[in-house]
Amino acid sequence: MAKVPKFDRRKHPRVRTDAVAAIERVDSPNVVAYAVDLSLGGIRFQYLGTGLEFEIGELVQMTLNLGDSDVSAAGEIMRIEDLDTSAHELAVAFVELEARTLELLQDYLGDGQDQES
């Protein structure tokens, strides 16, 4: 049987990154995470923790270090995956980007916009 191509529903291509981020929460300690990939639509992080730090649908505020700039963005947690007992992955969709943050993201992603992961 022939393989059917996988349909990618993403609106924005992802670009690999090594940005460091603080994921800020209202009633809980912040979590330091490392970005795996980034797009204008969201970001995927890996972090060490218990795995109970976040919930699907939770809104978080993130501070990302993008080269020479720090940017803030609000996002909604879309997916949580346990990589092992202490390493976890979060997929976060941006829900609100200020114009300046969007501009910095576009600059950071630059020519990488055509390098899907």
PDB file of N, CA and C in Angstrom:
ATOM      1  N   MET A   1       0.840  -1.176   0.000  1.00  0.00           N
ATOM      2  CA  MET A   1       0.000   0.000   0.000  1.00  0.00           C
ATOM      3  C   MET A   1       0.891   1.247   0.000  1.00  0.00           C
ATOM      4  N   ALA A   2       0.562   2.208  -0.799  1.00  0.00           N
ATOM      5  CA  ALA A   2       1.352   3.445  -0.892  1.00  0.00           C
ATOM      6  C   ALA A   2       1.179   4.288   0.359  1.00  0.00           C
ATOM      7  N   LYS A   3       2.246   4.944   0.762  1.00  0.00           N
ATOM      8  CA  LYS A   3       2.175   5.831   1.922  1.00  0.00           C
ATOM      9  C   LYS A   3       1.454   7.116   1.548  1.00  0.00           C
ATOM     10  N   VAL A   4       0.584   7.534   2.425  1.00  0.00           N
ATOM     11  CA  VAL A   4      -0.128   8.787   2.232  1.00  0.00           C
ATOM     12  C   VAL A   4       0.680   9.879   2.907  1.00  0.00           C
ATOM     13  N   PRO A   5       0.985  10.987   2.206  1.00  0.00           N
ATOM     14  CA  PRO A   5       1.761  12.050   2.833  1.00  0.00           C
ATOM     15  C   PRO A   5       1.054  12.592   4.072  1.00  0.00           C
ATOM     16  N   LYS A   6       1.831  12.851   5.089  1.00  0.00           N
ATOM     17  CA  LYS A   6       1.285  13.396   6.329  1.00  0.00           C
ATOM     18  C   LYS A   6       0.922  14.858   6.112  1.00  0.00           C
ATOM     19  N   PHE A   7      -0.281  15.233   6.517  1.00  0.00           N
ATOM     20  CA  PHE A   7      -0.756  16.596   6.354  1.00  0.00           C
ATOM     21  C   PHE A   7      -0.301  17.428   7.540  1.00  0.00           C
ATOM     22  N   ASP A   8       0.376  18.513   7.281  1.00  0.00           N
ATOM     23  CA  ASP A   8       0.851  19.408   8.340  1.00  0.00           C
ATOM     24  C   ASP A   8      -0.126  20.566   8.458  1.00  0.00           C
ATOM     25  N   ARG A   9      -0.782  20.665   9.618  1.00  0.00           N
ATOM     26  CA  ARG A   9      -1.809  21.680   9.816  1.00  0.00           C
ATOM     27  C   ARG A   9      -1.226  23.004  10.315  1.00  0.00           C
ATOM     28  N   ARG A  10       0.067  23.091  10.496  1.00  0.00           N
ATOM     29  CA  ARG A  10       0.654  24.312  11.027  1.00  0.00           C
ATOM     30  C   ARG A  10       0.518  25.463  10.035  1.00  0.00           C
ATOM     31  N   LYS A  11       0.216  26.625  10.578  1.00  0.00           N
ATOM     32  CA  LYS A  11       0.101  27.823   9.751  1.00  0.00           C
ATOM     33  C   LYS A  11       1.465  28.438   9.475  1.00  0.00           C
ATOM     34  N   HIS A  12       2.412  28.201  10.394  1.00  0.00           N
ATOM     35  CA  HIS A  12       3.738  28.806  10.290  1.00  0.00           C
ATOM     36  C   HIS A  12       4.808  27.730  10.371  1.00  0.00           C
ATOM     37  N   PRO A  13       5.810  27.785   9.501  1.00  0.00           N
ATOM     38  CA  PRO A  13       6.893  26.801   9.578  1.00  0.00           C
ATOM     39  C   PRO A  13       7.690  26.966  10.867  1.00  0.00           C
ATOM     40  N   ARG A  14       8.191  25.847  11.384  1.00  0.00           N
ATOM     41  CA  ARG A  14       9.001  25.871  12.597  1.00  0.00           C
ATOM     42  C   ARG A  14      10.475  25.981  12.245  1.00  0.00           C
ATOM     43  N   VAL A  15      11.204  26.630  13.128  1.00  0.00           N
ATOM     44  CA  VAL A  15      12.640  26.791  12.964  1.00  0.00           C
ATOM     45  C   VAL A  15      13.301  26.295  14.244  1.00  0.00           C
ATOM     46  N   ARG A  16      14.316  25.461  14.111  1.00  0.00           N
ATOM     47  CA  ARG A  16      15.052  24.993  15.291  1.00  0.00           C
ATOM     48  C   ARG A  16      15.710  26.186  15.971  1.00  0.00           C
ATOM     49  N   THR A  17      15.732  26.136  17.301  1.00  0.00           N
ATOM     50  CA  THR A  17      16.321  27.229  18.066  1.00  0.00           C
ATOM     51  C   THR A  17      16.901  26.673  19.354  1.00  0.00           C
ATOM     52  N   ASP A  18      17.724  27.457  19.998  1.00  0.00           N
ATOM     53  CA  ASP A  18      18.254  27.069  21.302  1.00  0.00           C
ATOM     54  C   ASP A  18      17.977  28.176  22.315  1.00  0.00           C
ATOM     55  N   ALA A  19      16.893  28.895  22.122  1.00  0.00           N
ATOM     56  CA  ALA A  19      16.524  29.994  23.011  1.00  0.00           C
ATOM     57  C   ALA A  19      16.208  29.467  24.406  1.00  0.00           C
ATOM     58  N   VAL A  20      16.589  30.233  25.400  1.00  0.00           N
ATOM     59  CA  VAL A  20      16.262  29.917  26.788  1.00  0.00           C
ATOM     60  C   VAL A  20      15.057  30.764  27.160  1.00  0.00           C
ATOM     61  N   ALA A  21      14.156  30.187  27.967  1.00  0.00           N
ATOM     62  CA  ALA A  21      12.938  30.914  28.316  1.00  0.00           C
ATOM     63  C   ALA A  21      12.587  30.688  29.774  1.00  0.00           C
ATOM     64  N   ALA A  22      11.896  31.652  30.334  1.00  0.00           N
ATOM     65  CA  ALA A  22      11.259  31.498  31.636  1.00  0.00           C
ATOM     66  C   ALA A  22       9.768  31.445  31.367  1.00  0.00           C
ATOM     67  N   ILE A  23       9.137  30.395  31.859  1.00  0.00           N
ATOM     68  CA  ILE A  23       7.689  30.280  31.721  1.00  0.00           C
ATOM     69  C   ILE A  23       7.115  30.725  33.059  1.00  0.00           C
ATOM     70  N   GLU A  24       6.382  31.832  33.010  1.00  0.00           N
ATOM     71  CA  GLU A  24       5.899  32.482  34.224  1.00  0.00           C
ATOM     72  C   GLU A  24       4.459  32.093  34.494  1.00  0.00           C
ATOM     73  N   ARG A  25       4.180  31.823  35.775  1.00  0.00           N
ATOM     74  CA  ARG A  25       2.840  31.404  36.168  1.00  0.00           C
ATOM     75  C   ARG A  25       2.387  32.255  37.334  1.00  0.00           C
ATOM     76  N   VAL A  26       1.097  32.444  37.455  1.00  0.00           N
ATOM     77  CA  VAL A  26       0.539  33.315  38.481  1.00  0.00           C
ATOM     78  C   VAL A  26       0.745  32.762  39.882  1.00  0.00           C
ATOM     79  N   ASP A  27       0.359  31.535  40.124  1.00  0.00           N
ATOM     80  CA  ASP A  27       0.367  30.984  41.483  1.00  0.00           C
ATOM     81  C   ASP A  27       1.422  29.913  41.714  1.00  0.00           C
ATOM     82  N   SER A  28       2.372  29.766  40.826  1.00  0.00           N
ATOM     83  CA  SER A  28       3.374  28.713  40.953  1.00  0.00           C
ATOM     84  C   SER A  28       4.739  29.266  40.572  1.00  0.00           C
ATOM     85  N   PRO A  29       5.794  28.563  40.982  1.00  0.00           N
ATOM     86  CA  PRO A  29       7.135  29.021  40.607  1.00  0.00           C
ATOM     87  C   PRO A  29       7.323  29.014  39.089  1.00  0.00           C
ATOM     88  N   ASN A  30       8.156  29.917  38.625  1.00  0.00           N
ATOM     89  CA  ASN A  30       8.513  29.944  37.209  1.00  0.00           C
ATOM     90  C   ASN A  30       9.305  28.688  36.863  1.00  0.00           C
ATOM     91  N   VAL A  31       9.266  28.311  35.597  1.00  0.00           N
ATOM     92  CA  VAL A  31      10.015  27.160  35.112  1.00  0.00           C
ATOM     93  C   VAL A  31      10.968  27.657  34.031  1.00  0.00           C
ATOM     94  N   VAL A  32      12.239  27.261  34.127  1.00  0.00           N
ATOM     95  CA  VAL A  32      13.203  27.579  33.077  1.00  0.00           C
ATOM     96  C   VAL A  32      13.138  26.441  32.066  1.00  0.00           C
ATOM     97  N   ALA A  33      13.018  26.807  30.794  1.00  0.00           N
ATOM     98  CA  ALA A  33      12.880  25.805  29.740  1.00  0.00           C
ATOM     99  C   ALA A  33      13.787  26.163  28.577  1.00  0.00           C
ATOM    100  N   TYR A  34      14.046  25.178  27.748  1.00  0.00           N
ATOM    101  CA  TYR A  34      14.866  25.372  26.556  1.00  0.00           C
ATOM    102  C   TYR A  34      14.010  25.139  25.330  1.00  0.00           C
ATOM    103  N   ALA A  35      13.986  26.109  24.452  1.00  0.00           N
ATOM    104  CA  ALA A  35      13.170  25.989  23.247  1.00  0.00           C
ATOM    105  C   ALA A  35      13.803  24.987  22.291  1.00  0.00           C
ATOM    106  N   VAL A  36      12.959  24.181  21.674  1.00  0.00           N
ATOM    107  CA  VAL A  36      13.400  23.212  20.680  1.00  0.00           C
ATOM    108  C   VAL A  36      13.171  23.790  19.296  1.00  0.00           C
ATOM    109  N   ASP A  37      11.987  24.320  19.094  1.00  0.00           N
ATOM    110  CA  ASP A  37      11.696  25.004  17.835  1.00  0.00           C
ATOM    111  C   ASP A  37      10.686  26.110  18.081  1.00  0.00           C
ATOM    112  N   LEU A  38      10.614  26.987  17.105  1.00  0.00           N
ATOM    113  CA  LEU A  38       9.882  28.235  17.250  1.00  0.00           C
ATOM    114  C   LEU A  38       9.283  28.612  15.911  1.00  0.00           C
ATOM    115  N   SER A  39       8.094  29.203  15.959  1.00  0.00           N
ATOM    116  CA  SER A  39       7.483  29.755  14.756  1.00  0.00           C
ATOM    117  C   SER A  39       6.721  31.002  15.170  1.00  0.00           C
ATOM    118  N   LEU A  40       6.120  31.671  14.219  1.00  0.00           N
ATOM    119  CA  LEU A  40       5.299  32.834  14.550  1.00  0.00           C
ATOM    120  C   LEU A  40       4.018  32.420  15.258  1.00  0.00           C
ATOM    121  N   GLY A  41       3.688  31.133  15.216  1.00  0.00           N
ATOM    122  CA  GLY A  41       2.469  30.645  15.851  1.00  0.00           C
ATOM    123  C   GLY A  41       2.665  30.060  17.236  1.00  0.00           C
ATOM    124  N   GLY A  42       3.906  29.691  17.577  1.00  0.00           N
ATOM    125  CA  GLY A  42       4.122  29.089  18.882  1.00  0.00           C
ATOM    126  C   GLY A  42       5.533  28.590  19.067  1.00  0.00           C
ATOM    127  N   ILE A  43       5.715  27.831  20.140  1.00  0.00           N
ATOM    128  CA  ILE A  43       7.046  27.382  20.523  1.00  0.00           C
ATOM    129  C   ILE A  43       6.934  26.022  21.199  1.00  0.00           C
ATOM    130  N   ARG A  44       7.981  25.217  21.045  1.00  0.00           N
ATOM    131  CA  ARG A  44       8.048  23.916  21.721  1.00  0.00           C
ATOM    132  C   ARG A  44       9.241  23.947  22.659  1.00  0.00           C
ATOM    133  N   PHE A  45       9.001  23.602  23.924  1.00  0.00           N
ATOM    134  CA  PHE A  45      10.009  23.640  24.972  1.00  0.00           C
ATOM    135  C   PHE A  45      10.305  22.251  25.499  1.00  0.00           C
ATOM    136  N   GLN A  46      11.494  22.107  26.091  1.00  0.00           N
ATOM    137  CA  GLN A  46      11.814  20.966  26.939  1.00  0.00           C
ATOM    138  C   GLN A  46      12.254  21.523  28.282  1.00  0.00           C
ATOM    139  N   TYR A  47      11.862  20.817  29.355  1.00  0.00           N
ATOM    140  CA  TYR A  47      12.239  21.263  30.695  1.00  0.00           C
ATOM    141  C   TYR A  47      12.341  20.065  31.618  1.00  0.00           C
ATOM    142  N   LEU A  48      13.027  20.256  32.729  1.00  0.00           N
ATOM    143  CA  LEU A  48      13.136  19.235  33.759  1.00  0.00           C
ATOM    144  C   LEU A  48      12.176  19.580  34.878  1.00  0.00           C
ATOM    145  N   GLY A  49      11.457  18.594  35.365  1.00  0.00           N
ATOM    146  CA  GLY A  49      10.502  18.831  36.442  1.00  0.00           C
ATOM    147  C   GLY A  49       9.750  17.565  36.781  1.00  0.00           C
ATOM    148  N   THR A  50       8.666  17.719  37.494  1.00  0.00           N
ATOM    149  CA  THR A  50       7.884  16.558  37.928  1.00  0.00           C
ATOM    150  C   THR A  50       6.906  16.088  36.860  1.00  0.00           C
ATOM    151  N   GLY A  51       6.593  16.962  35.908  1.00  0.00           N
ATOM    152  CA  GLY A  51       5.594  16.640  34.902  1.00  0.00           C
ATOM    153  C   GLY A  51       4.209  17.115  35.297  1.00  0.00           C
ATOM    154  N   LEU A  52       4.077  17.610  36.513  1.00  0.00           N
ATOM    155  CA  LEU A  52       2.784  18.090  36.993  1.00  0.00           C
ATOM    156  C   LEU A  52       2.714  19.614  37.008  1.00  0.00           C
ATOM    157  N   GLU A  53       3.736  20.252  36.482  1.00  0.00           N
ATOM    158  CA  GLU A  53       3.799  21.708  36.546  1.00  0.00           C
ATOM    159  C   GLU A  53       2.728  22.396  35.697  1.00  0.00           C
ATOM    160  N   PHE A  54       2.309  21.772  34.613  1.00  0.00           N
ATOM    161  CA  PHE A  54       1.423  22.432  33.657  1.00  0.00           C
ATOM    162  C   PHE A  54       0.212  21.577  33.328  1.00  0.00           C
ATOM    163  N   GLU A  55      -0.809  22.231  32.761  1.00  0.00           N
ATOM    164  CA  GLU A  55      -2.009  21.545  32.300  1.00  0.00           C
ATOM    165  C   GLU A  55      -2.353  22.019  30.898  1.00  0.00           C
ATOM    166  N   ILE A  56      -2.914  21.132  30.091  1.00  0.00           N
ATOM    167  CA  ILE A  56      -3.391  21.491  28.756  1.00  0.00           C
ATOM    168  C   ILE A  56      -4.409  22.622  28.914  1.00  0.00           C
ATOM    169  N   GLY A  57      -4.306  23.635  28.076  1.00  0.00           N
ATOM    170  CA  GLY A  57      -5.232  24.757  28.118  1.00  0.00           C
ATOM    171  C   GLY A  57      -4.808  25.867  29.063  1.00  0.00           C
ATOM    172  N   GLU A  58      -3.792  25.620  29.879  1.00  0.00           N
ATOM    173  CA  GLU A  58      -3.318  26.639  30.814  1.00  0.00           C
ATOM    174  C   GLU A  58      -2.693  27.804  30.046  1.00  0.00           C
ATOM    175  N   LEU A  59      -2.975  29.013  30.508  1.00  0.00           N
ATOM    176  CA  LEU A  59      -2.364  30.198  29.926  1.00  0.00           C
ATOM    177  C   LEU A  59      -1.111  30.541  30.714  1.00  0.00           C
ATOM    178  N   VAL A  60      -0.035  30.825  29.992  1.00  0.00           N
ATOM    179  CA  VAL A  60       1.240  31.161  30.619  1.00  0.00           C
ATOM    180  C   VAL A  60       1.812  32.403  29.958  1.00  0.00           C
ATOM    181  N   GLN A  61       2.671  33.063  30.667  1.00  0.00           N
ATOM    182  CA  GLN A  61       3.439  34.193  30.133  1.00  0.00           C
ATOM    183  C   GLN A  61       4.873  33.711  29.989  1.00  0.00           C
ATOM    184  N   MET A  62       5.491  33.969  28.869  1.00  0.00           N
ATOM    185  CA  MET A  62       6.858  33.517  28.616  1.00  0.00           C
ATOM    186  C   MET A  62       7.764  34.701  28.365  1.00  0.00           C
ATOM    187  N   THR A  63       8.970  34.605  28.848  1.00  0.00           N
ATOM    188  CA  THR A  63      10.033  35.547  28.501  1.00  0.00           C
ATOM    189  C   THR A  63      11.084  34.748  27.770  1.00  0.00           C
ATOM    190  N   LEU A  64      11.337  35.109  26.526  1.00  0.00           N
ATOM    191  CA  LEU A  64      12.272  34.380  25.671  1.00  0.00           C
ATOM    192  C   LEU A  64      13.493  35.235  25.387  1.00  0.00           C
ATOM    193  N   ASN A  65      14.648  34.602  25.392  1.00  0.00           N
ATOM    194  CA  ASN A  65      15.871  35.279  24.982  1.00  0.00           C
ATOM    195  C   ASN A  65      16.121  34.930  23.532  1.00  0.00           C
ATOM    196  N   LEU A  66      15.985  35.927  22.660  1.00  0.00           N
ATOM    197  CA  LEU A  66      16.190  35.732  21.219  1.00  0.00           C
ATOM    198  C   LEU A  66      17.402  36.536  20.782  1.00  0.00           C
ATOM    199  N   GLY A  67      18.550  35.921  20.815  1.00  0.00           N
ATOM    200  CA  GLY A  67      19.765  36.627  20.433  1.00  0.00           C
ATOM    201  C   GLY A  67      20.088  37.723  21.419  1.00  0.00           C
ATOM    202  N   ASP A  68      20.035  38.972  20.957  1.00  0.00           N
ATOM    203  CA  ASP A  68      20.358  40.125  21.799  1.00  0.00           C
ATOM    204  C   ASP A  68      19.136  40.708  22.500  1.00  0.00           C
ATOM    205  N   SER A  69      17.974  40.107  22.314  1.00  0.00           N
ATOM    206  CA  SER A  69      16.746  40.693  22.850  1.00  0.00           C
ATOM    207  C   SER A  69      15.975  39.692  23.699  1.00  0.00           C
ATOM    208  N   ASP A  70      15.300  40.210  24.711  1.00  0.00           N
ATOM    209  CA  ASP A  70      14.341  39.433  25.482  1.00  0.00           C
ATOM    210  C   ASP A  70      12.955  39.896  25.074  1.00  0.00           C
ATOM    211  N   VAL A  71      12.065  38.942  24.827  1.00  0.00           N
ATOM    212  CA  VAL A  71      10.694  39.278  24.453  1.00  0.00           C
ATOM    213  C   VAL A  71       9.732  38.537  25.368  1.00  0.00           C
ATOM    214  N   SER A  72       8.548  39.104  25.543  1.00  0.00           N
ATOM    215  CA  SER A  72       7.500  38.469  26.337  1.00  0.00           C
ATOM    216  C   SER A  72       6.339  38.124  25.428  1.00  0.00           C
ATOM    217  N   ALA A  73       5.710  37.001  25.737  1.00  0.00           N
ATOM    218  CA  ALA A  73       4.558  36.572  24.952  1.00  0.00           C
ATOM    219  C   ALA A  73       3.636  35.743  25.837  1.00  0.00           C
ATOM    220  N   ALA A  74       2.352  35.848  25.572  1.00  0.00           N
ATOM    221  CA  ALA A  74       1.371  35.010  26.255  1.00  0.00           C
ATOM    222  C   ALA A  74       1.088  33.807  25.375  1.00  0.00           C
ATOM    223  N   GLY A  75       0.868  32.660  26.013  1.00  0.00           N
ATOM    224  CA  GLY A  75       0.591  31.470  25.243  1.00  0.00           C
ATOM    225  C   GLY A  75      -0.326  30.509  25.969  1.00  0.00           C
ATOM    226  N   GLU A  76      -0.867  29.569  25.208  1.00  0.00           N
ATOM    227  CA  GLU A  76      -1.725  28.521  25.752  1.00  0.00           C
ATOM    228  C   GLU A  76      -1.037  27.183  25.538  1.00  0.00           C
ATOM    229  N   ILE A  77      -0.971  26.370  26.581  1.00  0.00           N
ATOM    230  CA  ILE A  77      -0.339  25.060  26.478  1.00  0.00           C
ATOM    231  C   ILE A  77      -1.263  24.138  25.690  1.00  0.00           C
ATOM    232  N   MET A  78      -0.730  23.625  24.591  1.00  0.00           N
ATOM    233  CA  MET A  78      -1.511  22.789  23.691  1.00  0.00           C
ATOM    234  C   MET A  78      -1.212  21.295  23.858  1.00  0.00           C
ATOM    235  N   ARG A  79       0.028  20.984  24.264  1.00  0.00           N
ATOM    236  CA  ARG A  79       0.434  19.583  24.377  1.00  0.00           C
ATOM    237  C   ARG A  79       1.507  19.468  25.438  1.00  0.00           C
ATOM    238  N   ILE A  80       1.459  18.372  26.204  1.00  0.00           N
ATOM    239  CA  ILE A  80       2.485  18.044  27.193  1.00  0.00           C
ATOM    240  C   ILE A  80       2.888  16.605  26.941  1.00  0.00           C
ATOM    241  N   GLU A  81       4.197  16.361  26.856  1.00  0.00           N
ATOM    242  CA  GLU A  81       4.677  15.005  26.617  1.00  0.00           C
ATOM    243  C   GLU A  81       5.791  14.691  27.605  1.00  0.00           C
ATOM    244  N   ASP A  82       5.703  13.530  28.230  1.00  0.00           N
ATOM    245  CA  ASP A  82       6.768  13.073  29.119  1.00  0.00           C
ATOM    246  C   ASP A  82       7.841  12.403  28.270  1.00  0.00           C
ATOM    247  N   LEU A  83       9.060  12.929  28.332  1.00  0.00           N
ATOM    248  CA  LEU A  83      10.170  12.333  27.595  1.00  0.00           C
ATOM    249  C   LEU A  83      10.808  11.214  28.418  1.00  0.00           C
ATOM    250  N   ASP A  84      10.857  11.397  29.710  1.00  0.00           N
ATOM    251  CA  ASP A  84      11.231  10.363  30.680  1.00  0.00           C
ATOM    252  C   ASP A  84      10.689  10.811  32.031  1.00  0.00           C
ATOM    253  N   THR A  85      11.171  10.262  33.128  1.00  0.00           N
ATOM    254  CA  THR A  85      10.578  10.582  34.427  1.00  0.00           C
ATOM    255  C   THR A  85      10.804  12.021  34.868  1.00  0.00           C
ATOM    256  N   SER A  86      11.838  12.683  34.351  1.00  0.00           N
ATOM    257  CA  SER A  86      12.082  14.065  34.782  1.00  0.00           C
ATOM    258  C   SER A  86      12.155  15.070  33.639  1.00  0.00           C
ATOM    259  N   ALA A  87      12.147  14.628  32.395  1.00  0.00           N
ATOM    260  CA  ALA A  87      12.211  15.531  31.239  1.00  0.00           C
ATOM    261  C   ALA A  87      10.856  15.543  30.534  1.00  0.00           C
ATOM    262  N   HIS A  88      10.417  16.739  30.201  1.00  0.00           N
ATOM    263  CA  HIS A  88       9.090  16.905  29.611  1.00  0.00           C
ATOM    264  C   HIS A  88       9.164  17.905  28.463  1.00  0.00           C
ATOM    265  N   GLU A  89       8.149  17.844  27.616  1.00  0.00           N
ATOM    266  CA  GLU A  89       8.077  18.750  26.475  1.00  0.00           C
ATOM    267  C   GLU A  89       6.715  19.434  26.472  1.00  0.00           C
ATOM    268  N   LEU A  90       6.720  20.725  26.172  1.00  0.00           N
ATOM    269  CA  LEU A  90       5.500  21.524  26.084  1.00  0.00           C
ATOM    270  C   LEU A  90       5.394  22.122  24.691  1.00  0.00           C
ATOM    271  N   ALA A  91       4.215  22.074  24.128  1.00  0.00           N
ATOM    272  CA  ALA A  91       3.933  22.824  22.905  1.00  0.00           C
ATOM    273  C   ALA A  91       2.995  23.956  23.311  1.00  0.00           C
ATOM    274  N   VAL A  92       3.402  25.178  23.010  1.00  0.00           N
ATOM    275  CA  VAL A  92       2.654  26.358  23.432  1.00  0.00           C
ATOM    276  C   VAL A  92       2.309  27.195  22.200  1.00  0.00           C
ATOM    277  N   ALA A  93       1.034  27.515  22.046  1.00  0.00           N
ATOM    278  CA  ALA A  93       0.585  28.394  20.955  1.00  0.00           C
ATOM    279  C   ALA A  93       0.534  29.821  21.481  1.00  0.00           C
ATOM    280  N   PHE A  94       1.102  30.744  20.724  1.00  0.00           N
ATOM    281  CA  PHE A  94       1.019  32.150  21.113  1.00  0.00           C
ATOM    282  C   PHE A  94      -0.438  32.599  21.035  1.00  0.00           C
ATOM    283  N   VAL A  95      -0.906  33.308  22.049  1.00  0.00           N
ATOM    284  CA  VAL A  95      -2.269  33.825  22.016  1.00  0.00           C
ATOM    285  C   VAL A  95      -2.282  35.338  21.937  1.00  0.00           C
ATOM    286  N   GLU A  96      -1.183  35.955  22.269  1.00  0.00           N
ATOM    287  CA  GLU A  96      -1.122  37.406  22.209  1.00  0.00           C
ATOM    288  C   GLU A  96       0.323  37.832  22.018  1.00  0.00           C
ATOM    289  N   LEU A  97       0.576  38.529  20.920  1.00  0.00           N
ATOM    290  CA  LEU A  97       1.911  39.059  20.648  1.00  0.00           C
ATOM    291  C   LEU A  97       1.800  40.557  20.412  1.00  0.00           C
ATOM    292  N   GLU A  98       2.576  41.314  21.159  1.00  0.00           N
ATOM    293  CA  GLU A  98       2.625  42.749  20.906  1.00  0.00           C
ATOM    294  C   GLU A  98       3.354  42.974  19.587  1.00  0.00           C
ATOM    295  N   ALA A  99       3.120  44.109  18.962  1.00  0.00           N
ATOM    296  CA  ALA A  99       3.714  44.411  17.660  1.00  0.00           C
ATOM    297  C   ALA A  99       5.237  44.316  17.714  1.00  0.00           C
ATOM    298  N   ARG A 100       5.838  44.838  18.767  1.00  0.00           N
ATOM    299  CA  ARG A 100       7.305  44.809  18.890  1.00  0.00           C
ATOM    300  C   ARG A 100       7.812  43.367  19.040  1.00  0.00           C
ATOM    301  N   THR A 101       7.091  42.543  19.788  1.00  0.00           N
ATOM    302  CA  THR A 101       7.473  41.138  19.947  1.00  0.00           C
ATOM    303  C   THR A 101       7.379  40.405  18.619  1.00  0.00           C
ATOM    304  N   LEU A 102       6.306  40.646  17.882  1.00  0.00           N
ATOM    305  CA  LEU A 102       6.147  40.030  16.563  1.00  0.00           C
ATOM    306  C   LEU A 102       7.298  40.429  15.648  1.00  0.00           C
ATOM    307  N   GLU A 103       7.667  41.695  15.667  1.00  0.00           N
ATOM    308  CA  GLU A 103       8.769  42.185  14.841  1.00  0.00           C
ATOM    309  C   GLU A 103      10.090  41.502  15.227  1.00  0.00           C
ATOM    310  N   LEU A 104      10.358  41.374  16.526  1.00  0.00           N
ATOM    311  CA  LEU A 104      11.583  40.722  16.977  1.00  0.00           C
ATOM    312  C   LEU A 104      11.590  39.240  16.609  1.00  0.00           C
ATOM    313  N   LEU A 105      10.439  38.587  16.715  1.00  0.00           N
ATOM    314  CA  LEU A 105      10.339  37.185  16.307  1.00  0.00           C
ATOM    315  C   LEU A 105      10.614  37.025  14.812  1.00  0.00           C
ATOM    316  N   GLN A 106      10.024  37.894  14.015  1.00  0.00           N
ATOM    317  CA  GLN A 106      10.247  37.828  12.569  1.00  0.00           C
ATOM    318  C   GLN A 106      11.724  38.032  12.245  1.00  0.00           C
ATOM    319  N   ASP A 107      12.360  38.987  12.917  1.00  0.00           N
ATOM    320  CA  ASP A 107      13.791  39.220  12.700  1.00  0.00           C
ATOM    321  C   ASP A 107      14.611  38.011  13.122  1.00  0.00           C
ATOM    322  N   TYR A 108      14.278  37.432  14.274  1.00  0.00           N
ATOM    323  CA  TYR A 108      15.016  36.289  14.790  1.00  0.00           C
ATOM    324  C   TYR A 108      14.879  35.088  13.860  1.00  0.00           C
ATOM    325  N   LEU A 109      13.652  34.849  13.385  1.00  0.00           N
ATOM    326  CA  LEU A 109      13.412  33.707  12.513  1.00  0.00           C
ATOM    327  C   LEU A 109      14.014  33.927  11.137  1.00  0.00           C
ATOM    328  N   GLY A 110      14.030  35.176  10.690  1.00  0.00           N
ATOM    329  CA  GLY A 110      14.681  35.568   9.443  1.00  0.00           C
ATOM    330  C   GLY A 110      14.521  34.589   8.310  1.00  0.00           C
ATOM    331  N   ASP A 111      15.651  34.226   7.708  1.00  0.00           N
ATOM    332  CA  ASP A 111      15.646  33.310   6.566  1.00  0.00           C
ATOM    333  C   ASP A 111      15.271  31.893   6.963  1.00  0.00           C
ATOM    334  N   GLY A 112      15.252  31.612   8.262  1.00  0.00           N
ATOM    335  CA  GLY A 112      14.919  30.268   8.727  1.00  0.00           C
ATOM    336  C   GLY A 112      13.467  29.900   8.522  1.00  0.00           C
ATOM    337  N   GLN A 113      12.624  30.840   8.114  1.00  0.00           N
ATOM    338  CA  GLN A 113      11.199  30.546   7.950  1.00  0.00           C
ATOM    339  C   GLN A 113      10.937  29.414   6.979  1.00  0.00           C
ATOM    340  N   ASP A 114      11.877  29.095   6.098  1.00  0.00           N
ATOM    341  CA  ASP A 114      11.645  28.011   5.164  1.00  0.00           C
ATOM    342  C   ASP A 114      12.280  26.700   5.625  1.00  0.00           C
ATOM    343  N   GLN A 115      12.764  26.634   6.876  1.00  0.00           N
ATOM    344  CA  GLN A 115      13.409  25.428   7.401  1.00  0.00           C
ATOM    345  C   GLN A 115      12.502  24.719   8.382  1.00  0.00           C
ATOM    346  N   GLU A 116      11.482  24.047   7.875  1.00  0.00           N
ATOM    347  CA  GLU A 116      10.543  23.345   8.752  1.00  0.00           C
ATOM    348  C   GLU A 116      11.242  22.200   9.458  1.00  0.00           C
ATOM    349  N   SER A 117      10.756  21.919  10.682  1.00  0.00           N
ATOM    350  CA  SER A 117      11.267  20.775  11.448  1.00  0.00           C
ATOM    351  C   SER A 117      10.156  19.804  11.673  1.00  0.00           C
TER     352      SER A 117
END
